[in-house]
């Protein structure tokens, strides 16, 4: 099943007197990581909560910013 993937889609709508109060659209894709990457889905690679590599990248950027600020302060 994970070779091909599966899509589950559904809508939840709450109405009173033909007036939409709430609409929730639910889309769920279940697939292997390889299949997801093949389809161009890789959001987890850049999510700091899910990927240590993404977290490292954020820390490296913050570190470079701090180094630049220190260099500016020392040159003043």
N, C-alpha and C. Protein backbone atom coordinates (compact mmCIF):
# COMPACT_ATOMS: atom_id res chain seq x y z
N UNK A 1 0.82 -1.19 0.00
CA UNK A 1 0.00 0.00 0.00
C UNK A 1 0.87 1.26 0.00
N UNK A 2 1.97 1.25 0.77
CA UNK A 2 2.78 2.46 0.85
C UNK A 2 3.57 2.72 -0.42
N UNK A 3 3.72 1.71 -1.29
CA UNK A 3 4.37 1.94 -2.58
C UNK A 3 3.59 2.93 -3.42
N UNK A 4 2.29 2.82 -3.39
CA UNK A 4 1.44 3.68 -4.22
C UNK A 4 0.85 4.83 -3.42
N UNK A 5 0.59 4.62 -2.14
CA UNK A 5 0.00 5.66 -1.31
C UNK A 5 -1.51 5.58 -1.31
N UNK A 6 -2.11 6.28 -0.38
CA UNK A 6 -3.56 6.32 -0.27
C UNK A 6 -3.96 7.73 0.13
N UNK A 7 -5.03 8.22 -0.43
CA UNK A 7 -5.53 9.56 -0.12
C UNK A 7 -6.92 9.41 0.50
N UNK A 8 -7.12 10.06 1.63
CA UNK A 8 -8.43 10.09 2.27
C UNK A 8 -8.85 11.56 2.31
N UNK A 9 -10.02 11.84 1.79
CA UNK A 9 -10.50 13.23 1.74
C UNK A 9 -11.91 13.29 2.31
N UNK A 10 -12.20 14.37 3.00
CA UNK A 10 -13.55 14.53 3.53
C UNK A 10 -13.78 15.96 3.97
N UNK A 11 -15.03 16.33 4.07
CA UNK A 11 -15.41 17.67 4.51
C UNK A 11 -16.38 17.54 5.67
N UNK A 12 -16.23 18.43 6.62
CA UNK A 12 -17.17 18.53 7.73
C UNK A 12 -17.78 19.92 7.64
N UNK A 13 -19.09 19.98 7.58
CA UNK A 13 -19.76 21.28 7.44
C UNK A 13 -20.86 21.37 8.49
N UNK A 14 -20.86 22.47 9.22
CA UNK A 14 -21.91 22.73 10.21
C UNK A 14 -22.72 23.91 9.71
N UNK A 15 -24.04 23.68 9.56
CA UNK A 15 -24.94 24.71 9.03
C UNK A 15 -26.16 24.84 9.94
N UNK A 16 -26.65 26.04 10.00
CA UNK A 16 -27.95 26.30 10.64
C UNK A 16 -28.73 27.18 9.66
N UNK A 17 -29.91 26.71 9.27
CA UNK A 17 -30.78 27.45 8.34
C UNK A 17 -30.03 27.86 7.08
N UNK A 18 -29.31 26.93 6.48
CA UNK A 18 -28.55 27.16 5.24
C UNK A 18 -27.46 28.21 5.38
N UNK A 19 -27.00 28.47 6.59
CA UNK A 19 -25.88 29.39 6.82
C UNK A 19 -24.71 28.56 7.33
N UNK A 20 -23.59 28.61 6.58
CA UNK A 20 -22.40 27.87 7.00
C UNK A 20 -21.79 28.51 8.23
N UNK A 21 -21.70 27.76 9.30
CA UNK A 21 -21.04 28.26 10.51
C UNK A 21 -19.58 27.81 10.56
N UNK A 22 -19.35 26.60 10.06
CA UNK A 22 -18.01 26.05 10.13
C UNK A 22 -17.83 25.04 9.00
N UNK A 23 -16.72 25.15 8.29
CA UNK A 23 -16.38 24.16 7.27
C UNK A 23 -14.94 23.73 7.50
N UNK A 24 -14.74 22.44 7.62
CA UNK A 24 -13.40 21.89 7.81
C UNK A 24 -13.14 20.93 6.66
N UNK A 25 -12.07 21.15 5.94
CA UNK A 25 -11.68 20.25 4.86
C UNK A 25 -10.51 19.42 5.35
N UNK A 26 -10.66 18.12 5.25
CA UNK A 26 -9.63 17.20 5.74
C UNK A 26 -9.06 16.44 4.54
N UNK A 27 -7.76 16.48 4.40
CA UNK A 27 -7.06 15.74 3.36
C UNK A 27 -5.93 14.99 4.04
N UNK A 28 -5.85 13.70 3.82
CA UNK A 28 -4.83 12.87 4.45
C UNK A 28 -4.16 12.03 3.37
N UNK A 29 -2.85 12.09 3.31
CA UNK A 29 -2.08 11.30 2.36
C UNK A 29 -1.19 10.37 3.16
N UNK A 30 -1.30 9.09 2.90
CA UNK A 30 -0.45 8.11 3.56
C UNK A 30 0.41 7.47 2.49
N UNK A 31 1.73 7.64 2.64
CA UNK A 31 2.65 7.09 1.65
C UNK A 31 4.01 6.89 2.32
N UNK A 32 4.87 6.15 1.70
CA UNK A 32 6.23 5.99 2.20
C UNK A 32 6.99 7.30 1.99
N UNK A 33 8.07 7.45 2.71
CA UNK A 33 8.89 8.66 2.57
C UNK A 33 9.42 8.77 1.15
N UNK A 34 9.86 7.66 0.59
CA UNK A 34 10.38 7.69 -0.78
C UNK A 34 9.32 8.13 -1.78
N UNK A 35 8.11 7.61 -1.62
CA UNK A 35 7.02 7.98 -2.53
C UNK A 35 6.65 9.46 -2.35
N UNK A 36 6.62 9.92 -1.11
CA UNK A 36 6.30 11.33 -0.85
C UNK A 36 7.35 12.23 -1.50
N UNK A 37 8.62 11.89 -1.34
CA UNK A 37 9.68 12.69 -1.98
C UNK A 37 9.55 12.67 -3.49
N UNK A 38 9.17 11.52 -4.03
CA UNK A 38 8.96 11.39 -5.47
C UNK A 38 7.86 12.34 -5.94
N UNK A 39 6.85 12.57 -5.10
CA UNK A 39 5.75 13.46 -5.43
C UNK A 39 6.07 14.92 -5.09
N UNK A 40 7.26 15.17 -4.54
CA UNK A 40 7.66 16.55 -4.23
C UNK A 40 7.24 17.01 -2.84
N UNK A 41 6.89 16.08 -1.97
CA UNK A 41 6.48 16.42 -0.61
C UNK A 41 7.65 16.11 0.33
N UNK A 42 8.19 17.14 0.97
CA UNK A 42 9.31 16.93 1.89
C UNK A 42 9.33 17.98 3.01
N UNK A 43 8.17 18.44 3.43
CA UNK A 43 8.08 19.52 4.42
C UNK A 43 8.73 19.14 5.74
N UNK A 44 8.79 17.88 6.08
CA UNK A 44 9.36 17.46 7.36
C UNK A 44 10.86 17.70 7.44
N UNK A 45 11.53 17.83 6.29
CA UNK A 45 12.97 18.05 6.30
C UNK A 45 13.33 19.45 6.79
N UNK A 46 12.41 20.40 6.68
CA UNK A 46 12.67 21.78 7.07
C UNK A 46 11.95 22.18 8.35
N UNK A 47 11.30 21.24 9.00
CA UNK A 47 10.55 21.52 10.22
C UNK A 47 11.47 21.27 11.42
N UNK A 48 11.73 22.32 12.18
CA UNK A 48 12.64 22.23 13.32
C UNK A 48 12.20 21.25 14.39
N UNK A 49 10.91 20.99 14.48
CA UNK A 49 10.40 20.05 15.47
C UNK A 49 10.59 18.60 15.03
N UNK A 50 10.70 18.37 13.74
CA UNK A 50 10.77 17.01 13.23
C UNK A 50 12.15 16.63 12.71
N UNK A 51 12.99 17.59 12.44
CA UNK A 51 14.28 17.31 11.82
C UNK A 51 15.40 18.00 12.58
N UNK A 52 16.37 17.22 13.03
CA UNK A 52 17.52 17.83 13.71
C UNK A 52 18.35 18.64 12.72
N UNK A 53 18.33 18.26 11.45
CA UNK A 53 19.08 19.00 10.44
C UNK A 53 18.50 20.40 10.27
N UNK A 54 17.18 20.52 10.27
CA UNK A 54 16.54 21.84 10.16
C UNK A 54 16.87 22.67 11.38
N UNK A 55 16.88 22.04 12.55
CA UNK A 55 17.20 22.76 13.79
C UNK A 55 18.65 23.24 13.75
N UNK A 56 19.55 22.40 13.24
CA UNK A 56 20.95 22.79 13.11
C UNK A 56 21.09 23.99 12.19
N UNK A 57 20.37 23.99 11.10
CA UNK A 57 20.45 25.09 10.14
C UNK A 57 20.01 26.39 10.79
N UNK A 58 18.95 26.34 11.59
CA UNK A 58 18.49 27.54 12.29
C UNK A 58 19.56 28.03 13.27
N UNK A 59 20.17 27.10 14.00
CA UNK A 59 21.22 27.47 14.95
C UNK A 59 22.44 28.04 14.24
N UNK A 60 22.80 27.46 13.10
CA UNK A 60 23.94 27.96 12.35
C UNK A 60 23.69 29.38 11.86
N UNK A 61 22.47 29.65 11.39
CA UNK A 61 22.13 30.99 10.92
C UNK A 61 22.17 31.98 12.08
N UNK A 62 21.62 31.59 13.22
CA UNK A 62 21.64 32.47 14.39
C UNK A 62 23.08 32.72 14.85
N UNK A 63 23.90 31.68 14.78
CA UNK A 63 25.30 31.82 15.17
C UNK A 63 26.04 32.80 14.25
N UNK A 64 25.79 32.70 12.95
CA UNK A 64 26.43 33.63 12.01
C UNK A 64 25.97 35.07 12.26
N UNK A 65 24.67 35.25 12.53
CA UNK A 65 24.15 36.59 12.82
C UNK A 65 24.82 37.18 14.06
N UNK A 66 24.97 36.37 15.09
CA UNK A 66 25.61 36.84 16.31
C UNK A 66 27.08 37.18 16.09
N UNK A 67 27.76 36.36 15.30
CA UNK A 67 29.17 36.64 14.99
C UNK A 67 29.31 37.97 14.24
N UNK A 68 28.39 38.24 13.30
CA UNK A 68 28.43 39.51 12.56
C UNK A 68 28.20 40.69 13.51
N UNK A 69 27.25 40.55 14.43
CA UNK A 69 26.98 41.63 15.38
C UNK A 69 28.19 41.88 16.28
N UNK A 70 28.83 40.81 16.72
CA UNK A 70 30.02 40.96 17.59
C UNK A 70 31.14 41.65 16.80
N UNK A 71 31.32 41.26 15.55
CA UNK A 71 32.38 41.87 14.72
C UNK A 71 32.10 43.37 14.55
N UNK A 72 30.84 43.76 14.34
CA UNK A 72 30.50 45.17 14.20
C UNK A 72 30.77 45.93 15.49
N UNK A 73 30.42 45.32 16.64
CA UNK A 73 30.65 45.97 17.93
C UNK A 73 32.13 46.13 18.21
N UNK A 74 32.93 45.13 17.88
CA UNK A 74 34.36 45.20 18.13
C UNK A 74 35.06 46.19 17.20
N UNK A 75 34.53 46.39 16.00
CA UNK A 75 35.16 47.33 15.07
C UNK A 75 34.79 48.78 15.37
N UNK A 76 33.79 49.00 16.21
CA UNK A 76 33.37 50.38 16.56
C UNK A 76 34.31 51.02 17.53
